[in-house]
Amino acid sequence: MHGWIILDKPLELGSTQGVSAVKRALREGGYPKMKVGHGGTLDPLASGVLPVAIGEATKLAGRMLDASKIYDFTIRFGAQTDTLDAEGRIIAESDVLPTRAAVEAILPAFTGAIEQMPPAYSALKVDGKRAYDLARAGEEVVLAARHVTIHSLALAGETPADGPVAAVTLSAHVSKGTYIRSLARDIALALGTVGHVIMLRRTKAGPFTLDHAISLDNLAEAAKARRLEDITLPLTAGLDDIPALSVTPDQARLLRQGQVLIGIAAQQGLHLATQAETPVALVELSGHELRVVRGFNL
């Protein structure tokens, strides 16, 4: 049970509630009490891929937070809200509606390394307080712009070829720290209008896609049948981009003790040290030294 359960998070459910659902499933299925954590916050108004780490996989949750993500999202033009999504109140309006051609023409300007102003309604902290708490209290929130990377950005779904469009759906592959609501705001402004997000769905987080994701109903059914193992991906599924490095029992023992190994023949960089298919540690080879980055108690 040291691994990943990938939820297809429904709307109006917070990420911490998703974690609670997995904890409840483990408890109801009679499994031992284990650490559980998520690999990337997903807003209640967003749905899709929510990786939930169990046991020793929680040591990799930080890597999942740093991973790139893919989202499908719909921008409705003509109104901007204070939250930049459908939950907020309208603070700006425009009669301008862009054409599909205009949207396609502007997308390259938002692809690659860009500077982005996070939304006031976000979990970022200002003087030790959450920005959304300050915004809800009516205080003016000033956040610093941040550098993010939009790896790809393209139209998704059906969009009329002719005439103005009230809404468009896009697919974006983005780096850590990217706010889709801010991206939607800025795209609308660049088109000479205003807009906000009315649909947001995460289709991929790190190596995990919707093909791996299960519903809360399926989670509950698996718990009731005491077969959560059938829907749990192995710990190594979160490291599919890391090459494996086979180690001997003696080397595995030393790594578990946090010791440095010398003279290991392998490429420089990160590796997953394994002994007879059992993960031992995430290690990094630098020069002639192999050091433990994250050890696993398996």
C-alpha atoms as a PDB file:
ATOM      1  CA  MET A   1       0.000   0.000   0.000  1.00  0.00           C
ATOM      2  CA  HIS A   2       2.993   2.332  -0.355  1.00  0.00           C
ATOM      3  CA  GLY A   3       2.001   4.070  -3.579  1.00  0.00           C
ATOM      4  CA  TRP A   4      -0.459   6.346  -5.327  1.00  0.00           C
ATOM      5  CA  ILE A   5      -4.205   6.524  -5.680  1.00  0.00           C
ATOM      6  CA  ILE A   6      -5.081   8.937  -8.461  1.00  0.00           C
ATOM      7  CA  LEU A   7      -8.446  10.577  -7.943  1.00  0.00           C
ATOM      8  CA  ASP A   8     -10.597  12.193 -10.595  1.00  0.00           C
ATOM      9  CA  LYS A   9     -11.521  14.989  -8.225  1.00  0.00           C
ATOM     10  CA  PRO A  10     -15.078  16.221  -8.686  1.00  0.00           C
ATOM     11  CA  LEU A  11     -16.160  19.844  -8.536  1.00  0.00           C
ATOM     12  CA  GLU A  12     -16.717  21.464  -5.132  1.00  0.00           C
ATOM     13  CA  LEU A  13     -14.321  19.068  -3.404  1.00  0.00           C
ATOM     14  CA  GLY A  14     -11.080  20.467  -1.959  1.00  0.00           C
ATOM     15  CA  SER A  15      -7.751  18.681  -2.225  1.00  0.00           C
ATOM     16  CA  THR A  16      -7.644  18.069   1.537  1.00  0.00           C
ATOM     17  CA  GLN A  17     -11.099  16.499   1.278  1.00  0.00           C
ATOM     18  CA  GLY A  18      -9.702  14.185  -1.388  1.00  0.00           C
ATOM     19  CA  VAL A  19      -6.973  13.139   1.025  1.00  0.00           C
ATOM     20  CA  SER A  20      -9.611  12.593   3.710  1.00  0.00           C
ATOM     21  CA  ALA A  21     -11.574  10.362   1.329  1.00  0.00           C
ATOM     22  CA  VAL A  22      -8.518   8.138   0.815  1.00  0.00           C
ATOM     23  CA  LYS A  23      -7.855   8.018   4.579  1.00  0.00           C
ATOM     24  CA  ARG A  24     -11.471   7.009   5.123  1.00  0.00           C
ATOM     25  CA  ALA A  25     -11.191   4.309   2.441  1.00  0.00           C
ATOM     26  CA  LEU A  26      -8.091   2.864   4.116  1.00  0.00           C
ATOM     27  CA  ARG A  27      -9.850   2.882   7.475  1.00  0.00           C
ATOM     28  CA  GLU A  28     -13.063   1.320   6.174  1.00  0.00           C
ATOM     29  CA  GLY A  29     -11.083  -1.304   4.265  1.00  0.00           C
ATOM     30  CA  GLY A  30      -9.314  -2.370   7.445  1.00  0.00           C
ATOM     31  CA  TYR A  31      -5.840  -1.310   6.281  1.00  0.00           C
ATOM     32  CA  PRO A  32      -3.092  -0.214   8.678  1.00  0.00           C
ATOM     33  CA  LYS A  33      -2.961   3.490   9.476  1.00  0.00           C
ATOM     34  CA  MET A  34      -0.600   5.192   7.020  1.00  0.00           C
ATOM     35  CA  LYS A  35       0.501   8.671   6.056  1.00  0.00           C
ATOM     36  CA  VAL A  36      -1.557  10.190   3.234  1.00  0.00           C
ATOM     37  CA  GLY A  37      -0.926  13.410   1.315  1.00  0.00           C
ATOM     38  CA  HIS A  38      -1.699  14.983  -2.048  1.00  0.00           C
ATOM     39  CA  GLY A  39       0.698  15.907  -4.812  1.00  0.00           C
ATOM     40  CA  GLY A  40      -0.674  19.289  -5.874  1.00  0.00           C
ATOM     41  CA  THR A  41      -3.586  21.449  -4.787  1.00  0.00           C
ATOM     42  CA  LEU A  42      -6.620  21.559  -7.061  1.00  0.00           C
ATOM     43  CA  ASP A  43      -9.217  24.280  -6.442  1.00  0.00           C
ATOM     44  CA  PRO A  44     -12.759  23.212  -5.438  1.00  0.00           C
ATOM     45  CA  LEU A  45     -14.029  24.731  -8.719  1.00  0.00           C
ATOM     46  CA  ALA A  46     -11.586  22.570 -10.696  1.00  0.00           C
ATOM     47  CA  SER A  47     -11.863  18.862 -11.456  1.00  0.00           C
ATOM     48  CA  GLY A  48      -9.483  16.198 -12.640  1.00  0.00           C
ATOM     49  CA  VAL A  49      -6.230  14.502 -11.731  1.00  0.00           C
ATOM     50  CA  LEU A  50      -5.376  14.631  -8.007  1.00  0.00           C
ATOM     51  CA  PRO A  51      -2.460  12.332  -7.078  1.00  0.00           C
ATOM     52  CA  VAL A  52      -2.801  11.069  -3.506  1.00  0.00           C
ATOM     53  CA  ALA A  53       0.334   9.545  -1.979  1.00  0.00           C
ATOM     54  CA  ILE A  54       0.153   6.738   0.596  1.00  0.00           C
ATOM     55  CA  GLY A  55       2.838   5.611   3.019  1.00  0.00           C
ATOM     56  CA  GLU A  56       6.396   5.994   1.756  1.00  0.00           C
ATOM     57  CA  ALA A  57       5.114   7.622  -1.456  1.00  0.00           C
ATOM     58  CA  THR A  58       4.373  10.739   0.620  1.00  0.00           C
ATOM     59  CA  LYS A  59       8.133  11.351   0.564  1.00  0.00           C
ATOM     60  CA  LEU A  60       7.729  12.050  -3.155  1.00  0.00           C
ATOM     61  CA  ALA A  61       4.799  14.458  -2.835  1.00  0.00           C
ATOM     62  CA  GLY A  62       7.189  17.409  -3.052  1.00  0.00           C
ATOM     63  CA  ARG A  63       8.442  16.209  -6.432  1.00  0.00           C
ATOM     64  CA  MET A  64       4.857  16.000  -7.628  1.00  0.00           C
ATOM     65  CA  LEU A  65       4.255  19.598  -6.544  1.00  0.00           C
ATOM     66  CA  ASP A  66       7.183  20.642  -8.731  1.00  0.00           C
ATOM     67  CA  ALA A  67       5.999  18.659 -11.755  1.00  0.00           C
ATOM     68  CA  SER A  68       4.421  20.233 -14.822  1.00  0.00           C
ATOM     69  CA  LYS A  69       0.667  19.938 -15.303  1.00  0.00           C
ATOM     70  CA  ILE A  70      -1.819  19.954 -18.191  1.00  0.00           C
ATOM     71  CA  TYR A  71      -5.193  21.688 -17.966  1.00  0.00           C
ATOM     72  CA  ASP A  72      -8.228  22.126 -20.170  1.00  0.00           C
ATOM     73  CA  PHE A  73     -10.013  25.389 -19.408  1.00  0.00           C
ATOM     74  CA  THR A  74     -12.763  27.553 -20.824  1.00  0.00           C
ATOM     75  CA  ILE A  75     -12.614  31.342 -20.910  1.00  0.00           C
ATOM     76  CA  ARG A  76     -15.893  33.256 -21.082  1.00  0.00           C
ATOM     77  CA  PHE A  77     -15.380  36.678 -22.595  1.00  0.00           C
ATOM     78  CA  GLY A  78     -17.193  39.858 -21.685  1.00  0.00           C
ATOM     79  CA  ALA A  79     -16.873  39.849 -17.891  1.00  0.00           C
ATOM     80  CA  GLN A  80     -14.027  39.689 -15.371  1.00  0.00           C
ATOM     81  CA  THR A  81     -14.653  38.621 -11.773  1.00  0.00           C
ATOM     82  CA  ASP A  82     -12.666  39.389  -8.654  1.00  0.00           C
ATOM     83  CA  THR A  83     -11.757  35.704  -8.289  1.00  0.00           C
ATOM     84  CA  LEU A  84     -11.133  35.295 -12.054  1.00  0.00           C
ATOM     85  CA  ASP A  85     -13.569  32.375 -12.091  1.00  0.00           C
ATOM     86  CA  ALA A  86     -17.318  31.812 -12.018  1.00  0.00           C
ATOM     87  CA  GLU A  87     -17.491  32.038  -8.221  1.00  0.00           C
ATOM     88  CA  GLY A  88     -16.640  35.722  -7.959  1.00  0.00           C
ATOM     89  CA  ARG A  89     -18.504  38.980  -8.496  1.00  0.00           C
ATOM     90  CA  ILE A  90     -18.179  40.866 -11.763  1.00  0.00           C
ATOM     91  CA  ILE A  91     -15.741  43.785 -11.545  1.00  0.00           C
ATOM     92  CA  ALA A  92     -15.331  44.637 -15.256  1.00  0.00           C
ATOM     93  CA  GLU A  93     -17.356  44.148 -18.423  1.00  0.00           C
ATOM     94  CA  SER A  94     -16.787  44.550 -22.145  1.00  0.00           C
ATOM     95  CA  ASP A  95     -18.890  44.204 -25.290  1.00  0.00           C
ATOM     96  CA  VAL A  96     -15.865  43.052 -27.278  1.00  0.00           C
ATOM     97  CA  LEU A  97     -15.862  39.390 -28.312  1.00  0.00           C
ATOM     98  CA  PRO A  98     -12.849  38.004 -30.203  1.00  0.00           C
ATOM     99  CA  THR A  99     -12.872  35.725 -33.226  1.00  0.00           C
ATOM    100  CA  ARG A 100     -11.310  32.306 -33.300  1.00  0.00           C
ATOM    101  CA  ALA A 101      -8.593  33.653 -35.598  1.00  0.00           C
ATOM    102  CA  ALA A 102      -7.762  36.406 -33.102  1.00  0.00           C
ATOM    103  CA  VAL A 103      -7.495  33.874 -30.269  1.00  0.00           C
ATOM    104  CA  GLU A 104      -5.213  31.619 -32.302  1.00  0.00           C
ATOM    105  CA  ALA A 105      -3.038  34.592 -33.262  1.00  0.00           C
ATOM    106  CA  ILE A 106      -2.515  35.696 -29.649  1.00  0.00           C
ATOM    107  CA  LEU A 107      -1.615  32.282 -28.167  1.00  0.00           C
ATOM    108  CA  PRO A 108       2.085  32.307 -29.221  1.00  0.00           C
ATOM    109  CA  ALA A 109       2.571  35.448 -27.102  1.00  0.00           C
ATOM    110  CA  PHE A 110       1.638  33.367 -24.044  1.00  0.00           C
ATOM    111  CA  THR A 111       3.785  30.355 -24.909  1.00  0.00           C
ATOM    112  CA  GLY A 112       7.239  29.867 -23.441  1.00  0.00           C
ATOM    113  CA  ALA A 113       8.699  31.733 -20.483  1.00  0.00           C
ATOM    114  CA  ILE A 114       6.313  34.492 -19.379  1.00  0.00           C
ATOM    115  CA  GLU A 115       5.784  36.781 -16.407  1.00  0.00           C
ATOM    116  CA  GLN A 116       2.463  36.353 -14.611  1.00  0.00           C
ATOM    117  CA  MET A 117       0.645  38.209 -11.849  1.00  0.00           C
ATOM    118  CA  PRO A 118      -1.036  35.675  -9.503  1.00  0.00           C
ATOM    119  CA  PRO A 119      -4.726  36.227  -8.663  1.00  0.00           C
ATOM    120  CA  ALA A 120      -5.588  38.032  -5.446  1.00  0.00           C
ATOM    121  CA  TYR A 121      -7.741  35.041  -4.503  1.00  0.00           C
ATOM    122  CA  SER A 122      -4.892  32.558  -4.133  1.00  0.00           C
ATOM    123  CA  ALA A 123      -3.174  30.601  -1.375  1.00  0.00           C
ATOM    124  CA  LEU A 124      -0.021  32.706  -1.621  1.00  0.00           C
ATOM    125  CA  LYS A 125       0.968  34.458   1.586  1.00  0.00           C
ATOM    126  CA  VAL A 126       1.255  38.207   2.160  1.00  0.00           C
ATOM    127  CA  ASP A 127       2.887  39.144   5.468  1.00  0.00           C
ATOM    128  CA  GLY A 128       2.131  35.667   6.793  1.00  0.00           C
ATOM    129  CA  LYS A 129      -1.542  35.673   5.763  1.00  0.00           C
ATOM    130  CA  ARG A 130      -3.238  33.903   2.861  1.00  0.00           C
ATOM    131  CA  ALA A 131      -4.000  36.267  -0.010  1.00  0.00           C
ATOM    132  CA  TYR A 132      -7.560  34.963  -0.355  1.00  0.00           C
ATOM    133  CA  ASP A 133      -8.265  35.696   3.318  1.00  0.00           C
ATOM    134  CA  LEU A 134      -7.116  39.283   2.864  1.00  0.00           C
ATOM    135  CA  ALA A 135      -9.113  39.652  -0.375  1.00  0.00           C
ATOM    136  CA  ARG A 136     -12.281  38.285   1.236  1.00  0.00           C
ATOM    137  CA  ALA A 137     -11.813  40.778   4.082  1.00  0.00           C
ATOM    138  CA  GLY A 138     -11.884  43.586   1.542  1.00  0.00           C
ATOM    139  CA  GLU A 139      -8.187  44.416   1.775  1.00  0.00           C
ATOM    140  CA  GLU A 140      -6.165  45.336  -1.289  1.00  0.00           C
ATOM    141  CA  VAL A 141      -3.842  42.497  -2.202  1.00  0.00           C
ATOM    142  CA  VAL A 142      -0.624  43.217  -4.085  1.00  0.00           C
ATOM    143  CA  LEU A 143       1.291  40.141  -5.182  1.00  0.00           C
ATOM    144  CA  ALA A 144       4.660  40.031  -6.924  1.00  0.00           C
ATOM    145  CA  ALA A 145       4.776  38.881 -10.522  1.00  0.00           C
ATOM    146  CA  ARG A 146       6.383  35.494 -11.064  1.00  0.00           C
ATOM    147  CA  HIS A 147       8.161  33.770 -13.918  1.00  0.00           C
ATOM    148  CA  VAL A 148       6.419  30.654 -15.226  1.00  0.00           C
ATOM    149  CA  THR A 149       6.670  28.539 -18.363  1.00  0.00           C
ATOM    150  CA  ILE A 150       3.820  27.659 -20.700  1.00  0.00           C
ATOM    151  CA  HIS A 151       5.155  24.640 -22.563  1.00  0.00           C
ATOM    152  CA  SER A 152       2.214  24.528 -24.967  1.00  0.00           C
ATOM    153  CA  LEU A 153      -1.090  26.350 -25.435  1.00  0.00           C
ATOM    154  CA  ALA A 154      -3.698  25.492 -28.036  1.00  0.00           C
ATOM    155  CA  LEU A 155      -7.412  25.560 -28.810  1.00  0.00           C
ATOM    156  CA  ALA A 156      -9.317  22.498 -27.635  1.00  0.00           C
ATOM    157  CA  GLY A 157     -12.845  21.463 -28.476  1.00  0.00           C
ATOM    158  CA  GLU A 158     -15.141  23.013 -31.048  1.00  0.00           C
ATOM    159  CA  THR A 159     -14.827  26.751 -31.751  1.00  0.00           C
ATOM    160  CA  PRO A 160     -16.754  28.468 -34.589  1.00  0.00           C
ATOM    161  CA  ALA A 161     -14.419  29.475 -37.414  1.00  0.00           C
ATOM    162  CA  ASP A 162     -16.322  32.650 -38.285  1.00  0.00           C
ATOM    163  CA  GLY A 163     -17.708  35.511 -36.241  1.00  0.00           C
ATOM    164  CA  PRO A 164     -17.178  36.518 -32.602  1.00  0.00           C
ATOM    165  CA  VAL A 165     -17.093  33.850 -29.915  1.00  0.00           C
ATOM    166  CA  ALA A 166     -18.415  34.194 -26.368  1.00  0.00           C
ATOM    167  CA  ALA A 167     -16.112  31.496 -25.003  1.00  0.00           C
ATOM    168  CA  VAL A 168     -13.164  29.323 -26.002  1.00  0.00           C
ATOM    169  CA  THR A 169     -11.684  26.156 -24.540  1.00  0.00           C
ATOM    170  CA  LEU A 170      -7.903  25.836 -24.430  1.00  0.00           C
ATOM    171  CA  SER A 171      -5.414  23.179 -23.375  1.00  0.00           C
ATOM    172  CA  ALA A 172      -2.254  24.310 -21.574  1.00  0.00           C
ATOM    173  CA  HIS A 173       0.845  22.399 -20.484  1.00  0.00           C
ATOM    174  CA  VAL A 174       2.330  24.561 -17.736  1.00  0.00           C
ATOM    175  CA  SER A 175       5.140  24.681 -15.207  1.00  0.00           C
ATOM    176  CA  LYS A 176       4.887  24.716 -11.441  1.00  0.00           C
ATOM    177  CA  GLY A 177       3.395  27.929 -10.099  1.00  0.00           C
ATOM    178  CA  THR A 178       1.259  28.785 -13.134  1.00  0.00           C
ATOM    179  CA  TYR A 179      -2.222  30.142 -12.412  1.00  0.00           C
ATOM    180  CA  ILE A 180      -4.674  29.256 -15.164  1.00  0.00           C
ATOM    181  CA  ARG A 181      -7.075  31.941 -13.948  1.00  0.00           C
ATOM    182  CA  SER A 182      -4.365  34.569 -14.435  1.00  0.00           C
ATOM    183  CA  LEU A 183      -3.530  33.138 -17.853  1.00  0.00           C
ATOM    184  CA  ALA A 184      -7.184  33.413 -18.878  1.00  0.00           C
ATOM    185  CA  ARG A 185      -7.367  37.002 -17.595  1.00  0.00           C
ATOM    186  CA  ASP A 186      -4.272  38.029 -19.518  1.00  0.00           C
ATOM    187  CA  ILE A 187      -5.359  36.339 -22.752  1.00  0.00           C
ATOM    188  CA  ALA A 188      -8.686  38.186 -22.616  1.00  0.00           C
ATOM    189  CA  LEU A 189      -6.972  41.525 -21.954  1.00  0.00           C
ATOM    190  CA  ALA A 190      -4.580  40.942 -24.860  1.00  0.00           C
ATOM    191  CA  LEU A 191      -7.645  40.417 -27.070  1.00  0.00           C
ATOM    192  CA  GLY A 192      -9.009  43.803 -26.046  1.00  0.00           C
ATOM    193  CA  THR A 193     -11.684  42.455 -23.766  1.00  0.00           C
ATOM    194  CA  VAL A 194     -12.083  40.855 -20.329  1.00  0.00           C
ATOM    195  CA  GLY A 195     -12.831  37.294 -19.304  1.00  0.00           C
ATOM    196  CA  HIS A 196     -12.886  34.662 -16.584  1.00  0.00           C
ATOM    197  CA  VAL A 197     -12.598  30.892 -16.261  1.00  0.00           C
ATOM    198  CA  ILE A 198     -15.858  28.943 -16.253  1.00  0.00           C
ATOM    199  CA  MET A 199     -14.354  25.434 -16.570  1.00  0.00           C
ATOM    200  CA  LEU A 200     -11.040  24.069 -15.355  1.00  0.00           C
ATOM    201  CA  ARG A 201     -10.007  20.428 -15.554  1.00  0.00           C
ATOM    202  CA  ARG A 202      -6.566  19.003 -14.862  1.00  0.00           C
ATOM    203  CA  THR A 203      -5.838  16.195 -17.304  1.00  0.00           C
ATOM    204  CA  LYS A 204      -2.271  15.420 -16.244  1.00  0.00           C
ATOM    205  CA  ALA A 205      -0.079  15.964 -13.168  1.00  0.00           C
ATOM    206  CA  GLY A 206       3.510  14.802 -13.529  1.00  0.00           C
ATOM    207  CA  PRO A 207       3.320  11.270 -14.972  1.00  0.00           C
ATOM    208  CA  PHE A 208      -0.324  10.745 -13.964  1.00  0.00           C
ATOM    209  CA  THR A 209      -3.223  11.210 -16.403  1.00  0.00           C
ATOM    210  CA  LEU A 210      -6.987  10.792 -16.377  1.00  0.00           C
ATOM    211  CA  ASP A 211      -6.384   7.210 -17.574  1.00  0.00           C
ATOM    212  CA  HIS A 212      -5.011   6.487 -14.076  1.00  0.00           C
ATOM    213  CA  ALA A 213      -7.767   8.374 -12.234  1.00  0.00           C
ATOM    214  CA  ILE A 214     -10.746   6.866 -10.437  1.00  0.00           C
ATOM    215  CA  SER A 215     -13.953   8.386  -9.103  1.00  0.00           C
ATOM    216  CA  LEU A 216     -14.816   8.687  -5.418  1.00  0.00           C
ATOM    217  CA  ASP A 217     -17.527   6.069  -5.970  1.00  0.00           C
ATOM    218  CA  ASN A 218     -14.958   3.589  -7.312  1.00  0.00           C
ATOM    219  CA  LEU A 219     -12.703   4.408  -4.364  1.00  0.00           C
ATOM    220  CA  ALA A 220     -15.508   3.647  -1.920  1.00  0.00           C
ATOM    221  CA  GLU A 221     -16.381   0.397  -3.721  1.00  0.00           C
ATOM    222  CA  ALA A 222     -12.749  -0.764  -3.635  1.00  0.00           C
ATOM    223  CA  ALA A 223     -12.550   0.012   0.086  1.00  0.00           C
ATOM    224  CA  LYS A 224     -15.759  -1.895   0.792  1.00  0.00           C
ATOM    225  CA  ALA A 225     -14.412  -4.910  -1.133  1.00  0.00           C
ATOM    226  CA  ARG A 226     -11.025  -4.566   0.622  1.00  0.00           C
ATOM    227  CA  ARG A 227      -9.167  -4.394  -2.669  1.00  0.00           C
ATOM    228  CA  LEU A 228      -7.609  -0.949  -2.601  1.00  0.00           C
ATOM    229  CA  GLU A 229      -4.409  -2.651  -3.790  1.00  0.00           C
ATOM    230  CA  ASP A 230      -6.089  -3.088  -7.179  1.00  0.00           C
ATOM    231  CA  ILE A 231      -6.398   0.669  -7.683  1.00  0.00           C
ATOM    232  CA  THR A 232      -3.108   1.703  -6.044  1.00  0.00           C
ATOM    233  CA  LEU A 233      -0.178   2.440  -8.329  1.00  0.00           C
ATOM    234  CA  PRO A 234       3.305   1.525  -7.039  1.00  0.00           C
ATOM    235  CA  LEU A 235       5.546   4.109  -5.401  1.00  0.00           C
ATOM    236  CA  THR A 236       7.786   3.978  -8.470  1.00  0.00           C
ATOM    237  CA  ALA A 237       4.949   5.238 -10.690  1.00  0.00           C
ATOM    238  CA  GLY A 238       5.786   8.724  -9.447  1.00  0.00           C
ATOM    239  CA  LEU A 239       9.374   8.295 -10.657  1.00  0.00           C
ATOM    240  CA  ASP A 240       8.828   7.127 -14.210  1.00  0.00           C
ATOM    241  CA  ASP A 241      11.358   9.692 -15.469  1.00  0.00           C
ATOM    242  CA  ILE A 242      14.091   8.500 -13.089  1.00  0.00           C
ATOM    243  CA  PRO A 243      16.364   5.632 -14.223  1.00  0.00           C
ATOM    244  CA  ALA A 244      16.689   2.643 -11.921  1.00  0.00           C
ATOM    245  CA  LEU A 245      20.050   1.739 -10.381  1.00  0.00           C
ATOM    246  CA  SER A 246      20.469  -1.800  -9.089  1.00  0.00           C
ATOM    247  CA  VAL A 247      22.430  -2.084  -5.836  1.00  0.00           C
ATOM    248  CA  THR A 248      23.708  -5.037  -3.823  1.00  0.00           C
ATOM    249  CA  PRO A 249      22.328  -5.956  -0.390  1.00  0.00           C
ATOM    250  CA  ASP A 250      25.399  -4.414   1.266  1.00  0.00           C
ATOM    251  CA  GLN A 251      25.050  -1.217  -0.751  1.00  0.00           C
ATOM    252  CA  ALA A 252      21.339  -1.091   0.047  1.00  0.00           C
ATOM    253  CA  ARG A 253      22.118  -1.407   3.765  1.00  0.00           C
ATOM    254  CA  LEU A 254      24.587   1.481   3.598  1.00  0.00           C
ATOM    255  CA  LEU A 255      22.148   3.673   1.678  1.00  0.00           C
ATOM    256  CA  ARG A 256      19.413   2.951   4.222  1.00  0.00           C
ATOM    257  CA  GLN A 257      21.839   4.224   6.847  1.00  0.00           C
ATOM    258  CA  GLY A 258      22.292   7.412   4.837  1.00  0.00           C
ATOM    259  CA  GLN A 259      25.898   6.697   3.948  1.00  0.00           C
ATOM    260  CA  VAL A 260      27.645   7.889   0.780  1.00  0.00           C
ATOM    261  CA  LEU A 261      28.738   5.300  -1.780  1.00  0.00           C
ATOM    262  CA  ILE A 262      31.905   5.832  -3.803  1.00  0.00           C
ATOM    263  CA  GLY A 263      32.817   4.470  -7.203  1.00  0.00           C
ATOM    264  CA  ILE A 264      29.351   3.592  -8.527  1.00  0.00           C
ATOM    265  CA  ALA A 265      29.374   3.281 -12.323  1.00  0.00           C
ATOM    266  CA  ALA A 266      26.332   5.193 -13.579  1.00  0.00           C
ATOM    267  CA  GLN A 267      25.337   8.414 -15.296  1.00  0.00           C
ATOM    268  CA  GLN A 268      25.438  11.621 -13.294  1.00  0.00           C
ATOM    269  CA  GLY A 269      22.165  12.789 -11.782  1.00  0.00           C
ATOM    270  CA  LEU A 270      19.160  11.264 -10.054  1.00  0.00           C
ATOM    271  CA  HIS A 271      18.532   7.516  -9.871  1.00  0.00           C
ATOM    272  CA  LEU A 272      16.151   5.170  -8.086  1.00  0.00           C
ATOM    273  CA  ALA A 273      18.310   2.717  -6.167  1.00  0.00           C
ATOM    274  CA  THR A 274      16.629  -0.701  -6.044  1.00  0.00           C
ATOM    275  CA  GLN A 275      17.527  -4.035  -4.523  1.00  0.00           C
ATOM    276  CA  ALA A 276      15.779  -6.956  -6.213  1.00  0.00           C
ATOM    277  CA  GLU A 277      12.996  -4.645  -7.479  1.00  0.00           C
ATOM    278  CA  THR A 278      12.463  -3.096  -4.017  1.00  0.00           C
ATOM    279  CA  PRO A 279      12.989   0.684  -3.946  1.00  0.00           C
ATOM    280  CA  VAL A 280      15.755   1.604  -1.508  1.00  0.00           C
ATOM    281  CA  ALA A 281      16.233   5.332  -2.041  1.00  0.00           C
ATOM    282  CA  LEU A 282      16.121   8.189  -4.467  1.00  0.00           C
ATOM    283  CA  VAL A 283      19.808   8.940  -4.913  1.00  0.00           C
ATOM    284  CA  GLU A 284      21.965  11.429  -6.792  1.00  0.00           C
ATOM    285  CA  LEU A 285      25.332  10.680  -8.347  1.00  0.00           C
ATOM    286  CA  SER A 286      27.594  13.731  -8.376  1.00  0.00           C
ATOM    287  CA  GLY A 287      31.192  13.156  -9.366  1.00  0.00           C
ATOM    288  CA  HIS A 288      32.210   9.909  -7.697  1.00  0.00           C
ATOM    289  CA  GLU A 289      29.756  10.170  -4.790  1.00  0.00           C
ATOM    290  CA  LEU A 290      26.300   8.624  -4.614  1.00  0.00           C
ATOM    291  CA  ARG A 291      24.187  10.367  -1.966  1.00  0.00           C
ATOM    292  CA  VAL A 292      20.689   9.682  -0.667  1.00  0.00           C
ATOM    293  CA  VAL A 293      18.116  12.316  -1.594  1.00  0.00           C
ATOM    294  CA  ARG A 294      15.140  10.485  -0.110  1.00  0.00           C
ATOM    295  CA  GLY A 295      15.231   7.092   1.583  1.00  0.00           C
ATOM    296  CA  PHE A 296      12.357   4.608   1.617  1.00  0.00           C
ATOM    297  CA  ASN A 297      11.511   2.370   4.552  1.00  0.00           C
ATOM    298  CA  LEU A 298      10.389  -0.676   2.560  1.00  0.00           C
END
